[in-house]
Amino acid sequence: MLEKSAVPAIDRADVILKLLAASHVPVRTTELAQQCGLAKSTLYLLLDSLEQRRWIEKSGGGYIIGVGLYVLGAAYVRHDGLQNAFRIAAADYVSEHNEVIQLATLQGSEVVYLAREDARRPVRLVSDIGTRLPAHACALGKILLAQLSDDEVRRVLPDTLVSITERTLTKPAELLRDLADVRKSGLGRDLEEVAAGLNCFAVYVGETSMGRPIAVSSSIPIDRIDKRREKAIVQSLVKVAAQIAARVGARR
């Protein structure tokens, strides 16, 4: 259901767009009506208005995000110096290690991926730009949550921590102990907690001038990592984080 606000039409449109963005398949109007808690007559008016602006499009008996939002998103990337700073620093990392590197921020209890530079050898990831993951489950989320106090972490996280793999930390006390180690080491880790066979390491970049906390990470198949290589990867991530922070003036 929707909460009342000063501009309910915007809130309703926001909910619709987020539902479409989160789905990998077209969403039918009946499902939208149920999830939004809207009468179909109201929903149809909103859908028509969004479709006219090309923010959504009809596809396969339902709706998907439209090209109009892609254009707006592309404008954000053009105006955001963070993307360019990441690309410059990430290029050296990929050239040296031939592993993927990602940039993300914390939004509530979730990590939102902002950018990614792929390696020459592919890795199956869930970190497409705009993708969200539960912060408690991934290395990026842990390093970003570690910048908060334990009380702040408790307020941010949901009551139930979902399990993505059998290794995902789902007990709050266990997660808080892990975050204490992250604060000491300055390194976020997830060891097959998001995807089986994949380890991830994350380093904090800092807080941008807009107050947005950001971090970088690299996800590596377990058959390509050992203690020696892990050390080299982490050292390079620290270097990348420092370069990005210097370019965008992030507060560390």
Foldseek 3Di string as FASTA:
>chain_A
DDDDDPDVLVSLLVLVQVVQVQDPDFDALVRSCVVSVHDSVVVVVSVVVCVVQQQWDDDDNHIHGGVNVVVVVVVVCVPDVLNVLLVVLVVVLCVVPQFKKWKWFDDQQKIATADIDHGPDDDDDQHDHGGIDGLQQAQFSLLNCLVDDLVVSVVRDDPFDDFQDPQRDTDSVVSVVLSVVCNVVQKGWHDCRNHPQKIKIKHWLAAAPVRITMIMMTIDGPVVDDPVVVVVSVVSRVVSSPSSCVSRVGDD
